Amino acid sequence: MSEINWGKIKWQSRRGMRELDLMLLPFVDIDLPKMDPSVVDDYIDLLDASDLELFRWLHQTATPNTERRQKMVDTIIACHATRAGREGV
């Protein structure tokens, strides 16, 4: 990816489901910009999944359909865990 369109990524991360928004939006704002561009590509791939798939994967009631997506889900969960319990998250 040559140029990262953060506005588009943030817009696509707004899923309209509170449980997803509370995990994805802080990840995009805080964690993802610090990561390697290849991770950004993996995140963009993850956004192609449906809301229900994302919900199940991020709440660990189902397994992502690729290893790439599983790694991205694990990263989001780990980053979210560092913010759990803090106000506004």
PDB file of N, CA and C in Angstrom:
ATOM      1  N   MET A   1       0.856  -1.179   0.000  1.00  0.00           N
ATOM      2  CA  MET A   1       0.000   0.000   0.000  1.00  0.00           C
ATOM      3  C   MET A   1       0.894   1.232   0.000  1.00  0.00           C
ATOM      4  N   SER A   2       0.739   2.088  -0.974  1.00  0.00           N
ATOM      5  CA  SER A   2       1.618   3.235  -1.096  1.00  0.00           C
ATOM      6  C   SER A   2       1.204   4.382  -0.181  1.00  0.00           C
ATOM      7  N   GLU A   3      -0.039   4.710  -0.156  1.00  0.00           N
ATOM      8  CA  GLU A   3      -0.518   5.796   0.697  1.00  0.00           C
ATOM      9  C   GLU A   3      -1.721   5.296   1.485  1.00  0.00           C
ATOM     10  N   ILE A   4      -1.671   5.535   2.779  1.00  0.00           N
ATOM     11  CA  ILE A   4      -2.743   5.043   3.649  1.00  0.00           C
ATOM     12  C   ILE A   4      -3.813   6.121   3.779  1.00  0.00           C
ATOM     13  N   ASN A   5      -5.035   5.758   3.463  1.00  0.00           N
ATOM     14  CA  ASN A   5      -6.172   6.665   3.580  1.00  0.00           C
ATOM     15  C   ASN A   5      -6.841   6.405   4.927  1.00  0.00           C
ATOM     16  N   TRP A   6      -6.356   7.087   5.961  1.00  0.00           N
ATOM     17  CA  TRP A   6      -6.847   6.850   7.322  1.00  0.00           C
ATOM     18  C   TRP A   6      -8.326   7.193   7.474  1.00  0.00           C
ATOM     19  N   GLY A   7      -8.787   8.211   6.780  1.00  0.00           N
ATOM     20  CA  GLY A   7     -10.203   8.573   6.858  1.00  0.00           C
ATOM     21  C   GLY A   7     -11.089   7.441   6.359  1.00  0.00           C
ATOM     22  N   LYS A   8     -10.696   6.839   5.255  1.00  0.00           N
ATOM     23  CA  LYS A   8     -11.467   5.727   4.699  1.00  0.00           C
ATOM     24  C   LYS A   8     -11.431   4.522   5.630  1.00  0.00           C
ATOM     25  N   ILE A   9     -10.260   4.238   6.185  1.00  0.00           N
ATOM     26  CA  ILE A   9     -10.134   3.101   7.109  1.00  0.00           C
ATOM     27  C   ILE A   9     -11.002   3.323   8.340  1.00  0.00           C
ATOM     28  N   LYS A  10     -10.972   4.535   8.877  1.00  0.00           N
ATOM     29  CA  LYS A  10     -11.792   4.817  10.064  1.00  0.00           C
ATOM     30  C   LYS A  10     -13.276   4.718   9.719  1.00  0.00           C
ATOM     31  N   TRP A  11     -13.671   5.243   8.571  1.00  0.00           N
ATOM     32  CA  TRP A  11     -15.077   5.176   8.168  1.00  0.00           C
ATOM     33  C   TRP A  11     -15.533   3.719   8.031  1.00  0.00           C
ATOM     34  N   GLN A  12     -14.717   2.885   7.405  1.00  0.00           N
ATOM     35  CA  GLN A  12     -15.059   1.478   7.220  1.00  0.00           C
ATOM     36  C   GLN A  12     -15.046   0.707   8.540  1.00  0.00           C
ATOM     37  N   SER A  13     -14.344   1.245   9.535  1.00  0.00           N
ATOM     38  CA  SER A  13     -14.289   0.597  10.846  1.00  0.00           C
ATOM     39  C   SER A  13     -15.536   0.877  11.670  1.00  0.00           C
ATOM     40  N   ARG A  14     -16.281   1.896  11.304  1.00  0.00           N
ATOM     41  CA  ARG A  14     -17.543   2.197  11.991  1.00  0.00           C
ATOM     42  C   ARG A  14     -18.574   1.189  11.512  1.00  0.00           C
ATOM     43  N   ARG A  15     -18.910   0.278  12.372  1.00  0.00           N
ATOM     44  CA  ARG A  15     -19.787  -0.807  11.956  1.00  0.00           C
ATOM     45  C   ARG A  15     -21.235  -0.588  12.413  1.00  0.00           C
ATOM     46  N   GLY A  16     -21.458   0.341  13.322  1.00  0.00           N
ATOM     47  CA  GLY A  16     -22.807   0.587  13.796  1.00  0.00           C
ATOM     48  C   GLY A  16     -23.250  -0.388  14.870  1.00  0.00           C
ATOM     49  N   MET A  17     -22.362  -1.266  15.257  1.00  0.00           N
ATOM     50  CA  MET A  17     -22.628  -2.192  16.352  1.00  0.00           C
ATOM     51  C   MET A  17     -21.685  -1.779  17.485  1.00  0.00           C
ATOM     52  N   ARG A  18     -22.249  -1.341  18.578  1.00  0.00           N
ATOM     53  CA  ARG A  18     -21.451  -0.771  19.669  1.00  0.00           C
ATOM     54  C   ARG A  18     -20.284  -1.660  20.081  1.00  0.00           C
ATOM     55  N   GLU A  19     -20.519  -2.950  20.176  1.00  0.00           N
ATOM     56  CA  GLU A  19     -19.475  -3.875  20.614  1.00  0.00           C
ATOM     57  C   GLU A  19     -18.282  -3.863  19.652  1.00  0.00           C
ATOM     58  N   LEU A  20     -18.561  -3.733  18.374  1.00  0.00           N
ATOM     59  CA  LEU A  20     -17.480  -3.671  17.388  1.00  0.00           C
ATOM     60  C   LEU A  20     -16.816  -2.303  17.394  1.00  0.00           C
ATOM     61  N   ASP A  21     -17.609  -1.260  17.438  1.00  0.00           N
ATOM     62  CA  ASP A  21     -17.055   0.093  17.422  1.00  0.00           C
ATOM     63  C   ASP A  21     -16.125   0.337  18.611  1.00  0.00           C
ATOM     64  N   LEU A  22     -16.455  -0.225  19.769  1.00  0.00           N
ATOM     65  CA  LEU A  22     -15.622  -0.040  20.954  1.00  0.00           C
ATOM     66  C   LEU A  22     -14.273  -0.737  20.839  1.00  0.00           C
ATOM     67  N   MET A  23     -14.185  -1.719  19.959  1.00  0.00           N
ATOM     68  CA  MET A  23     -12.905  -2.401  19.761  1.00  0.00           C
ATOM     69  C   MET A  23     -12.165  -1.842  18.545  1.00  0.00           C
ATOM     70  N   LEU A  24     -12.878  -1.613  17.463  1.00  0.00           N
ATOM     71  CA  LEU A  24     -12.221  -1.242  16.215  1.00  0.00           C
ATOM     72  C   LEU A  24     -11.780   0.222  16.164  1.00  0.00           C
ATOM     73  N   LEU A  25     -12.626   1.134  16.597  1.00  0.00           N
ATOM     74  CA  LEU A  25     -12.292   2.556  16.459  1.00  0.00           C
ATOM     75  C   LEU A  25     -11.073   2.968  17.295  1.00  0.00           C
ATOM     76  N   PRO A  26     -10.974   2.559  18.565  1.00  0.00           N
ATOM     77  CA  PRO A  26      -9.735   2.886  19.298  1.00  0.00           C
ATOM     78  C   PRO A  26      -8.506   2.216  18.683  1.00  0.00           C
ATOM     79  N   PHE A  27      -8.690   1.020  18.144  1.00  0.00           N
ATOM     80  CA  PHE A  27      -7.577   0.339  17.490  1.00  0.00           C
ATOM     81  C   PHE A  27      -7.071   1.162  16.308  1.00  0.00           C
ATOM     82  N   VAL A  28      -7.998   1.679  15.504  1.00  0.00           N
ATOM     83  CA  VAL A  28      -7.624   2.481  14.333  1.00  0.00           C
ATOM     84  C   VAL A  28      -7.000   3.814  14.757  1.00  0.00           C
ATOM     85  N   ASP A  29      -7.530   4.420  15.806  1.00  0.00           N
ATOM     86  CA  ASP A  29      -7.025   5.720  16.253  1.00  0.00           C
ATOM     87  C   ASP A  29      -5.689   5.627  16.983  1.00  0.00           C
ATOM     88  N   ILE A  30      -5.513   4.602  17.803  1.00  0.00           N
ATOM     89  CA  ILE A  30      -4.369   4.544  18.713  1.00  0.00           C
ATOM     90  C   ILE A  30      -3.279   3.577  18.257  1.00  0.00           C
ATOM     91  N   ASP A  31      -3.674   2.378  17.886  1.00  0.00           N
ATOM     92  CA  ASP A  31      -2.695   1.308  17.671  1.00  0.00           C
ATOM     93  C   ASP A  31      -2.235   1.154  16.225  1.00  0.00           C
ATOM     94  N   LEU A  32      -3.166   1.105  15.315  1.00  0.00           N
ATOM     95  CA  LEU A  32      -2.846   0.814  13.921  1.00  0.00           C
ATOM     96  C   LEU A  32      -1.843   1.798  13.300  1.00  0.00           C
ATOM     97  N   PRO A  33      -1.938   3.109  13.585  1.00  0.00           N
ATOM     98  CA  PRO A  33      -0.972   4.036  12.976  1.00  0.00           C
ATOM     99  C   PRO A  33       0.481   3.756  13.369  1.00  0.00           C
ATOM    100  N   LYS A  34       0.702   3.063  14.477  1.00  0.00           N
ATOM    101  CA  LYS A  34       2.055   2.752  14.949  1.00  0.00           C
ATOM    102  C   LYS A  34       2.606   1.475  14.315  1.00  0.00           C
ATOM    103  N   MET A  35       1.778   0.778  13.581  1.00  0.00           N
ATOM    104  CA  MET A  35       2.151  -0.536  13.066  1.00  0.00           C
ATOM    105  C   MET A  35       2.674  -0.464  11.636  1.00  0.00           C
ATOM    106  N   ASP A  36       3.316  -1.531  11.247  1.00  0.00           N
ATOM    107  CA  ASP A  36       3.875  -1.686   9.913  1.00  0.00           C
ATOM    108  C   ASP A  36       2.764  -1.609   8.858  1.00  0.00           C
ATOM    109  N   PRO A  37       3.049  -1.043   7.691  1.00  0.00           N
ATOM    110  CA  PRO A  37       2.033  -0.970   6.629  1.00  0.00           C
ATOM    111  C   PRO A  37       1.449  -2.328   6.241  1.00  0.00           C
ATOM    112  N   SER A  38       2.193  -3.404   6.402  1.00  0.00           N
ATOM    113  CA  SER A  38       1.639  -4.727   6.080  1.00  0.00           C
ATOM    114  C   SER A  38       0.503  -5.089   7.041  1.00  0.00           C
ATOM    115  N   VAL A  39       0.590  -4.616   8.282  1.00  0.00           N
ATOM    116  CA  VAL A  39      -0.489  -4.844   9.250  1.00  0.00           C
ATOM    117  C   VAL A  39      -1.712  -4.042   8.847  1.00  0.00           C
ATOM    118  N   VAL A  40      -1.497  -2.852   8.330  1.00  0.00           N
ATOM    119  CA  VAL A  40      -2.615  -2.034   7.846  1.00  0.00           C
ATOM    120  C   VAL A  40      -3.322  -2.768   6.709  1.00  0.00           C
ATOM    121  N   ASP A  41      -2.546  -3.373   5.822  1.00  0.00           N
ATOM    122  CA  ASP A  41      -3.141  -4.170   4.737  1.00  0.00           C
ATOM    123  C   ASP A  41      -3.962  -5.324   5.293  1.00  0.00           C
ATOM    124  N   ASP A  42      -3.449  -5.982   6.321  1.00  0.00           N
ATOM    125  CA  ASP A  42      -4.183  -7.090   6.946  1.00  0.00           C
ATOM    126  C   ASP A  42      -5.483  -6.592   7.574  1.00  0.00           C
ATOM    127  N   TYR A  43      -5.441  -5.408   8.183  1.00  0.00           N
ATOM    128  CA  TYR A  43      -6.641  -4.838   8.786  1.00  0.00           C
ATOM    129  C   TYR A  43      -7.678  -4.507   7.717  1.00  0.00           C
ATOM    130  N   ILE A  44      -7.229  -3.934   6.618  1.00  0.00           N
ATOM    131  CA  ILE A  44      -8.148  -3.615   5.517  1.00  0.00           C
ATOM    132  C   ILE A  44      -8.804  -4.895   5.003  1.00  0.00           C
ATOM    133  N   ASP A  45      -8.040  -5.972   4.902  1.00  0.00           N
ATOM    134  CA  ASP A  45      -8.607  -7.262   4.503  1.00  0.00           C
ATOM    135  C   ASP A  45      -9.667  -7.721   5.503  1.00  0.00           C
ATOM    136  N   LEU A  46      -9.398  -7.532   6.778  1.00  0.00           N
ATOM    137  CA  LEU A  46     -10.340  -7.942   7.823  1.00  0.00           C
ATOM    138  C   LEU A  46     -11.667  -7.194   7.691  1.00  0.00           C
ATOM    139  N   LEU A  47     -11.602  -5.945   7.276  1.00  0.00           N
ATOM    140  CA  LEU A  47     -12.820  -5.134   7.150  1.00  0.00           C
ATOM    141  C   LEU A  47     -13.771  -5.642   6.073  1.00  0.00           C
ATOM    142  N   ASP A  48     -13.311  -6.537   5.214  1.00  0.00           N
ATOM    143  CA  ASP A  48     -14.192  -7.132   4.206  1.00  0.00           C
ATOM    144  C   ASP A  48     -15.171  -8.134   4.818  1.00  0.00           C
ATOM    145  N   ALA A  49     -14.911  -8.553   6.044  1.00  0.00           N
ATOM    146  CA  ALA A  49     -15.792  -9.507   6.713  1.00  0.00           C
ATOM    147  C   ALA A  49     -17.092  -8.820   7.129  1.00  0.00           C
ATOM    148  N   SER A  50     -18.123  -9.614   7.313  1.00  0.00           N
ATOM    149  CA  SER A  50     -19.409  -9.068   7.748  1.00  0.00           C
ATOM    150  C   SER A  50     -19.345  -8.675   9.226  1.00  0.00           C
ATOM    151  N   ASP A  51     -20.300  -7.858   9.648  1.00  0.00           N
ATOM    152  CA  ASP A  51     -20.362  -7.461  11.049  1.00  0.00           C
ATOM    153  C   ASP A  51     -20.504  -8.679  11.955  1.00  0.00           C
ATOM    154  N   LEU A  52     -21.326  -9.616  11.567  1.00  0.00           N
ATOM    155  CA  LEU A  52     -21.536 -10.805  12.386  1.00  0.00           C
ATOM    156  C   LEU A  52     -20.254 -11.627  12.505  1.00  0.00           C
ATOM    157  N   GLU A  53     -19.539 -11.774  11.390  1.00  0.00           N
ATOM    158  CA  GLU A  53     -18.261 -12.496  11.449  1.00  0.00           C
ATOM    159  C   GLU A  53     -17.289 -11.785  12.386  1.00  0.00           C
ATOM    160  N   LEU A  54     -17.159 -10.474  12.221  1.00  0.00           N
ATOM    161  CA  LEU A  54     -16.250  -9.710  13.076  1.00  0.00           C
ATOM    162  C   LEU A  54     -16.631  -9.843  14.546  1.00  0.00           C
ATOM    163  N   PHE A  55     -17.920  -9.738  14.834  1.00  0.00           N
ATOM    164  CA  PHE A  55     -18.382  -9.861  16.208  1.00  0.00           C
ATOM    165  C   PHE A  55     -17.992 -11.220  16.786  1.00  0.00           C
ATOM    166  N   ARG A  56     -18.255 -12.264  16.057  1.00  0.00           N
ATOM    167  CA  ARG A  56     -17.936 -13.613  16.537  1.00  0.00           C
ATOM    168  C   ARG A  56     -16.438 -13.811  16.705  1.00  0.00           C
ATOM    169  N   TRP A  57     -15.666 -13.308  15.754  1.00  0.00           N
ATOM    170  CA  TRP A  57     -14.210 -13.468  15.840  1.00  0.00           C
ATOM    171  C   TRP A  57     -13.635 -12.682  17.012  1.00  0.00           C
ATOM    172  N   LEU A  58     -14.050 -11.431  17.152  1.00  0.00           N
ATOM    173  CA  LEU A  58     -13.499 -10.581  18.207  1.00  0.00           C
ATOM    174  C   LEU A  58     -13.965 -10.986  19.601  1.00  0.00           C
ATOM    175  N   HIS A  59     -15.084 -11.682  19.668  1.00  0.00           N
ATOM    176  CA  HIS A  59     -15.566 -12.184  20.957  1.00  0.00           C
ATOM    177  C   HIS A  59     -15.260 -13.673  21.130  1.00  0.00           C
ATOM    178  N   GLN A  60     -14.471 -14.177  20.210  1.00  0.00           N
ATOM    179  CA  GLN A  60     -13.905 -15.522  20.265  1.00  0.00           C
ATOM    180  C   GLN A  60     -14.940 -16.635  20.371  1.00  0.00           C
ATOM    181  N   THR A  61     -16.039 -16.453  19.656  1.00  0.00           N
ATOM    182  CA  THR A  61     -17.041 -17.512  19.581  1.00  0.00           C
ATOM    183  C   THR A  61     -16.964 -18.238  18.242  1.00  0.00           C
ATOM    184  N   ALA A  62     -16.072 -17.749  17.367  1.00  0.00           N
ATOM    185  CA  ALA A  62     -15.814 -18.388  16.073  1.00  0.00           C
ATOM    186  C   ALA A  62     -14.373 -18.073  15.687  1.00  0.00           C
ATOM    187  N   THR A  63     -13.879 -18.835  14.733  1.00  0.00           N
ATOM    188  CA  THR A  63     -12.502 -18.681  14.276  1.00  0.00           C
ATOM    189  C   THR A  63     -12.487 -18.056  12.884  1.00  0.00           C
ATOM    190  N   PRO A  64     -11.645 -17.051  12.676  1.00  0.00           N
ATOM    191  CA  PRO A  64     -11.552 -16.449  11.333  1.00  0.00           C
ATOM    192  C   PRO A  64     -11.203 -17.487  10.271  1.00  0.00           C
ATOM    193  N   ASN A  65     -11.583 -17.182   9.050  1.00  0.00           N
ATOM    194  CA  ASN A  65     -11.448 -18.139   7.957  1.00  0.00           C
ATOM    195  C   ASN A  65     -10.057 -18.191   7.326  1.00  0.00           C
ATOM    196  N   THR A  66      -9.143 -17.313   7.743  1.00  0.00           N
ATOM    197  CA  THR A  66      -7.759 -17.386   7.263  1.00  0.00           C
ATOM    198  C   THR A  66      -6.805 -17.128   8.417  1.00  0.00           C
ATOM    199  N   GLU A  67      -5.583 -17.593   8.273  1.00  0.00           N
ATOM    200  CA  GLU A  67      -4.563 -17.357   9.293  1.00  0.00           C
ATOM    201  C   GLU A  67      -4.249 -15.862   9.411  1.00  0.00           C
ATOM    202  N   ARG A  68      -4.248 -15.182   8.272  1.00  0.00           N
ATOM    203  CA  ARG A  68      -4.001 -13.739   8.244  1.00  0.00           C
ATOM    204  C   ARG A  68      -5.028 -12.997   9.091  1.00  0.00           C
ATOM    205  N   ARG A  69      -6.274 -13.355   8.928  1.00  0.00           N
ATOM    206  CA  ARG A  69      -7.337 -12.708   9.710  1.00  0.00           C
ATOM    207  C   ARG A  69      -7.256 -13.098  11.181  1.00  0.00           C
ATOM    208  N   GLN A  70      -6.892 -14.335  11.464  1.00  0.00           N
ATOM    209  CA  GLN A  70      -6.761 -14.754  12.863  1.00  0.00           C
ATOM    210  C   GLN A  70      -5.687 -13.928  13.562  1.00  0.00           C
ATOM    211  N   LYS A  71      -4.572 -13.723  12.894  1.00  0.00           N
ATOM    212  CA  LYS A  71      -3.489 -12.922  13.465  1.00  0.00           C
ATOM    213  C   LYS A  71      -3.947 -11.491  13.725  1.00  0.00           C
ATOM    214  N   MET A  72      -4.721 -10.920  12.794  1.00  0.00           N
ATOM    215  CA  MET A  72      -5.211  -9.556  12.960  1.00  0.00           C
ATOM    216  C   MET A  72      -6.203  -9.478  14.115  1.00  0.00           C
ATOM    217  N   VAL A  73      -7.091 -10.451  14.211  1.00  0.00           N
ATOM    218  CA  VAL A  73      -8.053 -10.501  15.316  1.00  0.00           C
ATOM    219  C   VAL A  73      -7.315 -10.590  16.648  1.00  0.00           C
ATOM    220  N   ASP A  74      -6.302 -11.439  16.721  1.00  0.00           N
ATOM    221  CA  ASP A  74      -5.505 -11.575  17.950  1.00  0.00           C
ATOM    222  C   ASP A  74      -4.846 -10.248  18.323  1.00  0.00           C
ATOM    223  N   THR A  75      -4.366  -9.526  17.322  1.00  0.00           N
ATOM    224  CA  THR A  75      -3.731  -8.229  17.558  1.00  0.00           C
ATOM    225  C   THR A  75      -4.742  -7.229  18.112  1.00  0.00           C
ATOM    226  N   ILE A  76      -5.921  -7.171  17.520  1.00  0.00           N
ATOM    227  CA  ILE A  76      -6.956  -6.240  17.987  1.00  0.00           C
ATOM    228  C   ILE A  76      -7.371  -6.585  19.411  1.00  0.00           C
ATOM    229  N   ILE A  77      -7.574  -7.858  19.700  1.00  0.00           N
ATOM    230  CA  ILE A  77      -7.966  -8.280  21.043  1.00  0.00           C
ATOM    231  C   ILE A  77      -6.893  -7.897  22.058  1.00  0.00           C
ATOM    232  N   ALA A  78      -5.632  -8.121  21.720  1.00  0.00           N
ATOM    233  CA  ALA A  78      -4.528  -7.783  22.628  1.00  0.00           C
ATOM    234  C   ALA A  78      -4.462  -6.278  22.881  1.00  0.00           C
ATOM    235  N   CYS A  79      -4.619  -5.489  21.838  1.00  0.00           N
ATOM    236  CA  CYS A  79      -4.598  -4.034  21.995  1.00  0.00           C
ATOM    237  C   CYS A  79      -5.787  -3.560  22.821  1.00  0.00           C
ATOM    238  N   HIS A  80      -6.942  -4.134  22.579  1.00  0.00           N
ATOM    239  CA  HIS A  80      -8.146  -3.771  23.334  1.00  0.00           C
ATOM    240  C   HIS A  80      -7.969  -4.093  24.818  1.00  0.00           C
ATOM    241  N   ALA A  81      -7.326  -5.207  25.111  1.00  0.00           N
ATOM    242  CA  ALA A  81      -7.122  -5.624  26.503  1.00  0.00           C
ATOM    243  C   ALA A  81      -6.279  -4.605  27.267  1.00  0.00           C
ATOM    244  N   THR A  82      -5.388  -3.898  26.573  1.00  0.00           N
ATOM    245  CA  THR A  82      -4.570  -2.895  27.259  1.00  0.00           C
ATOM    246  C   THR A  82      -5.385  -1.670  27.653  1.00  0.00           C
ATOM    247  N   ARG A  83      -6.555  -1.487  27.000  1.00  0.00           N
ATOM    248  CA  ARG A  83      -7.410  -0.332  27.308  1.00  0.00           C
ATOM    249  C   ARG A  83      -8.612  -0.697  28.159  1.00  0.00           C
ATOM    250  N   ALA A  84      -8.880  -1.966  28.334  1.00  0.00           N
ATOM    251  CA  ALA A  84     -10.090  -2.415  29.046  1.00  0.00           C
ATOM    252  C   ALA A  84     -10.159  -1.787  30.434  1.00  0.00           C
ATOM    253  N   GLY A  85     -11.331  -1.260  30.758  1.00  0.00           N
ATOM    254  CA  GLY A  85     -11.556  -0.680  32.073  1.00  0.00           C
ATOM    255  C   GLY A  85     -11.288   0.803  32.137  1.00  0.00           C
ATOM    256  N   ARG A  86     -10.681   1.351  31.098  1.00  0.00           N
ATOM    257  CA  ARG A  86     -10.422   2.800  31.102  1.00  0.00           C
ATOM    258  C   ARG A  86     -11.643   3.515  30.554  1.00  0.00           C
ATOM    259  N   GLU A  87     -11.917   4.670  31.110  1.00  0.00           N
ATOM    260  CA  GLU A  87     -13.103   5.437  30.711  1.00  0.00           C
ATOM    261  C   GLU A  87     -13.115   5.728  29.216  1.00  0.00           C
ATOM    262  N   GLY A  88     -14.295   5.577  28.611  1.00  0.00           N
ATOM    263  CA  GLY A  88     -14.472   5.888  27.209  1.00  0.00           C
ATOM    264  C   GLY A  88     -14.089   4.785  26.267  1.00  0.00           C
ATOM    265  N   VAL A  89     -13.691   3.668  26.794  1.00  0.00           N
ATOM    266  CA  VAL A  89     -13.277   2.554  25.935  1.00  0.00           C
ATOM    267  C   VAL A  89     -14.191   1.388  26.163  1.00  0.00           C
TER     268      VAL A  89
END
